[in-house]
Amino acid sequence: MTQFWVLGYAHQFPALVKWTDNLRIIDTVADVGLLSPEQAETLQSAYLTLRDHYHQLTLSGVKLASQTDVLNEIRQQVSALWQSCLGDKRTSENKE
């Protein structure tokens, strides 16, 4: 999602290219009004939780994350934000 915002909106919001890390890009996306502060916090929290989880898996030699209630909740939150922010905005009448 961060790459999409940088590539899709940097021409309109040059501040989006200032940082290369996801957390500060998400801050900037919220600062320019493409996300609400609450949405940005949700994405940052999800990113940090998943990153920590996958780092722990890497250190323990495990290749794949198991399904947990916490990870499923995070996935649902991020999927909802994806649909809200980046999903298909066409009306159902125009979809083919």
Protein backbone atom coordinates (compact mmCIF):
# COMPACT_ATOMS: atom_id res chain seq x y z
CA MET A 1 0.00 0.00 0.00
CA THR A 2 2.81 2.41 0.79
CA GLN A 3 4.41 1.81 -2.60
CA PHE A 4 1.08 2.50 -4.28
CA TRP A 5 0.69 5.81 -2.45
CA VAL A 6 4.23 6.89 -3.28
CA LEU A 7 3.95 5.93 -6.94
CA GLY A 8 0.39 7.12 -7.36
CA TYR A 9 0.50 10.40 -5.45
CA ALA A 10 4.09 11.67 -5.28
CA HIS A 11 3.43 14.02 -8.19
CA GLN A 12 0.66 15.61 -6.13
CA PHE A 13 2.33 15.27 -2.71
CA PRO A 14 6.14 15.43 -3.07
CA ALA A 15 6.58 14.82 0.67
CA LEU A 16 5.74 11.17 -0.01
CA VAL A 17 9.20 10.57 -1.46
CA LYS A 18 11.10 11.96 1.52
CA TRP A 19 11.24 8.66 3.41
CA THR A 20 11.96 5.09 2.35
CA ASP A 21 10.53 3.28 5.38
CA ASN A 22 6.90 2.24 5.62
CA LEU A 23 6.17 3.79 9.02
CA ARG A 24 7.16 7.32 8.00
CA ILE A 25 5.50 6.94 4.61
CA ILE A 26 2.26 6.03 6.38
CA ASP A 27 2.68 9.11 8.60
CA THR A 28 3.12 11.24 5.49
CA VAL A 29 0.13 9.63 3.77
CA ALA A 30 -1.96 10.68 6.78
CA ASP A 31 -0.34 14.14 6.88
CA VAL A 32 -1.38 14.83 3.27
CA GLY A 33 -4.91 13.54 3.91
CA LEU A 34 -4.96 10.25 2.04
CA LEU A 35 -5.59 8.38 5.31
CA SER A 36 -7.14 9.39 8.59
CA PRO A 37 -4.86 9.40 11.64
CA GLU A 38 -6.79 6.38 12.95
CA GLN A 39 -6.29 4.45 9.72
CA ALA A 40 -2.58 5.31 9.75
CA GLU A 41 -2.27 4.08 13.33
CA THR A 42 -4.05 0.83 12.43
CA LEU A 43 -1.69 0.21 9.49
CA GLN A 44 1.42 1.07 11.50
CA SER A 45 0.37 -1.18 14.36
CA ALA A 46 -0.38 -4.02 11.95
CA TYR A 47 2.96 -3.53 10.20
CA LEU A 48 4.92 -3.55 13.46
CA THR A 49 3.09 -6.58 14.81
CA LEU A 50 3.54 -8.58 11.62
CA ARG A 51 7.17 -7.50 11.23
CA ASP A 52 7.96 -8.56 14.79
CA HIS A 53 6.15 -11.85 14.31
CA TYR A 54 8.00 -12.66 11.09
CA HIS A 55 11.34 -11.66 12.58
CA GLN A 56 10.73 -14.10 15.43
CA LEU A 57 9.83 -16.83 12.92
CA THR A 58 12.99 -16.15 10.94
CA LEU A 59 15.14 -16.35 14.05
CA SER A 60 13.53 -19.65 15.04
CA GLY A 61 13.93 -21.11 11.55
CA VAL A 62 10.20 -21.38 10.87
CA LYS A 63 9.21 -20.53 7.30
CA LEU A 64 5.49 -19.80 7.59
CA ALA A 65 3.31 -18.12 10.17
CA SER A 66 0.63 -20.21 11.75
CA GLN A 67 -2.93 -18.98 11.74
CA THR A 68 -3.71 -17.20 14.98
CA ASP A 69 -6.60 -15.03 16.07
CA VAL A 70 -4.25 -12.04 16.38
CA LEU A 71 -2.82 -12.45 12.87
CA ASN A 72 -6.26 -13.08 11.39
CA GLU A 73 -7.57 -9.89 13.05
CA ILE A 74 -4.65 -7.89 11.64
CA ARG A 75 -5.19 -9.34 8.17
CA GLN A 76 -8.88 -8.41 8.30
CA GLN A 77 -8.09 -4.85 9.41
CA VAL A 78 -5.54 -4.33 6.66
CA SER A 79 -7.82 -5.91 4.05
CA ALA A 80 -10.65 -3.57 5.08
CA LEU A 81 -8.33 -0.57 4.82
CA TRP A 82 -7.14 -1.79 1.41
CA GLN A 83 -10.72 -1.95 0.16
CA SER A 84 -11.57 1.40 1.74
CA CYS A 85 -8.53 3.25 0.38
CA LEU A 86 -7.49 1.39 -2.75
CA GLY A 87 -10.38 -0.85 -3.68
CA ASP A 88 -12.35 -0.60 -6.88
CA LYS A 89 -14.28 2.68 -6.68
CA ARG A 90 -16.46 2.04 -9.73
CA THR A 91 -20.15 1.71 -9.08
CA SER A 92 -21.72 -1.69 -9.54
CA GLU A 93 -23.53 -0.34 -12.64
CA ASN A 94 -20.20 0.37 -14.36
CA LYS A 95 -18.53 -2.94 -13.48
CA GLU A 96 -18.39 -5.48 -16.24
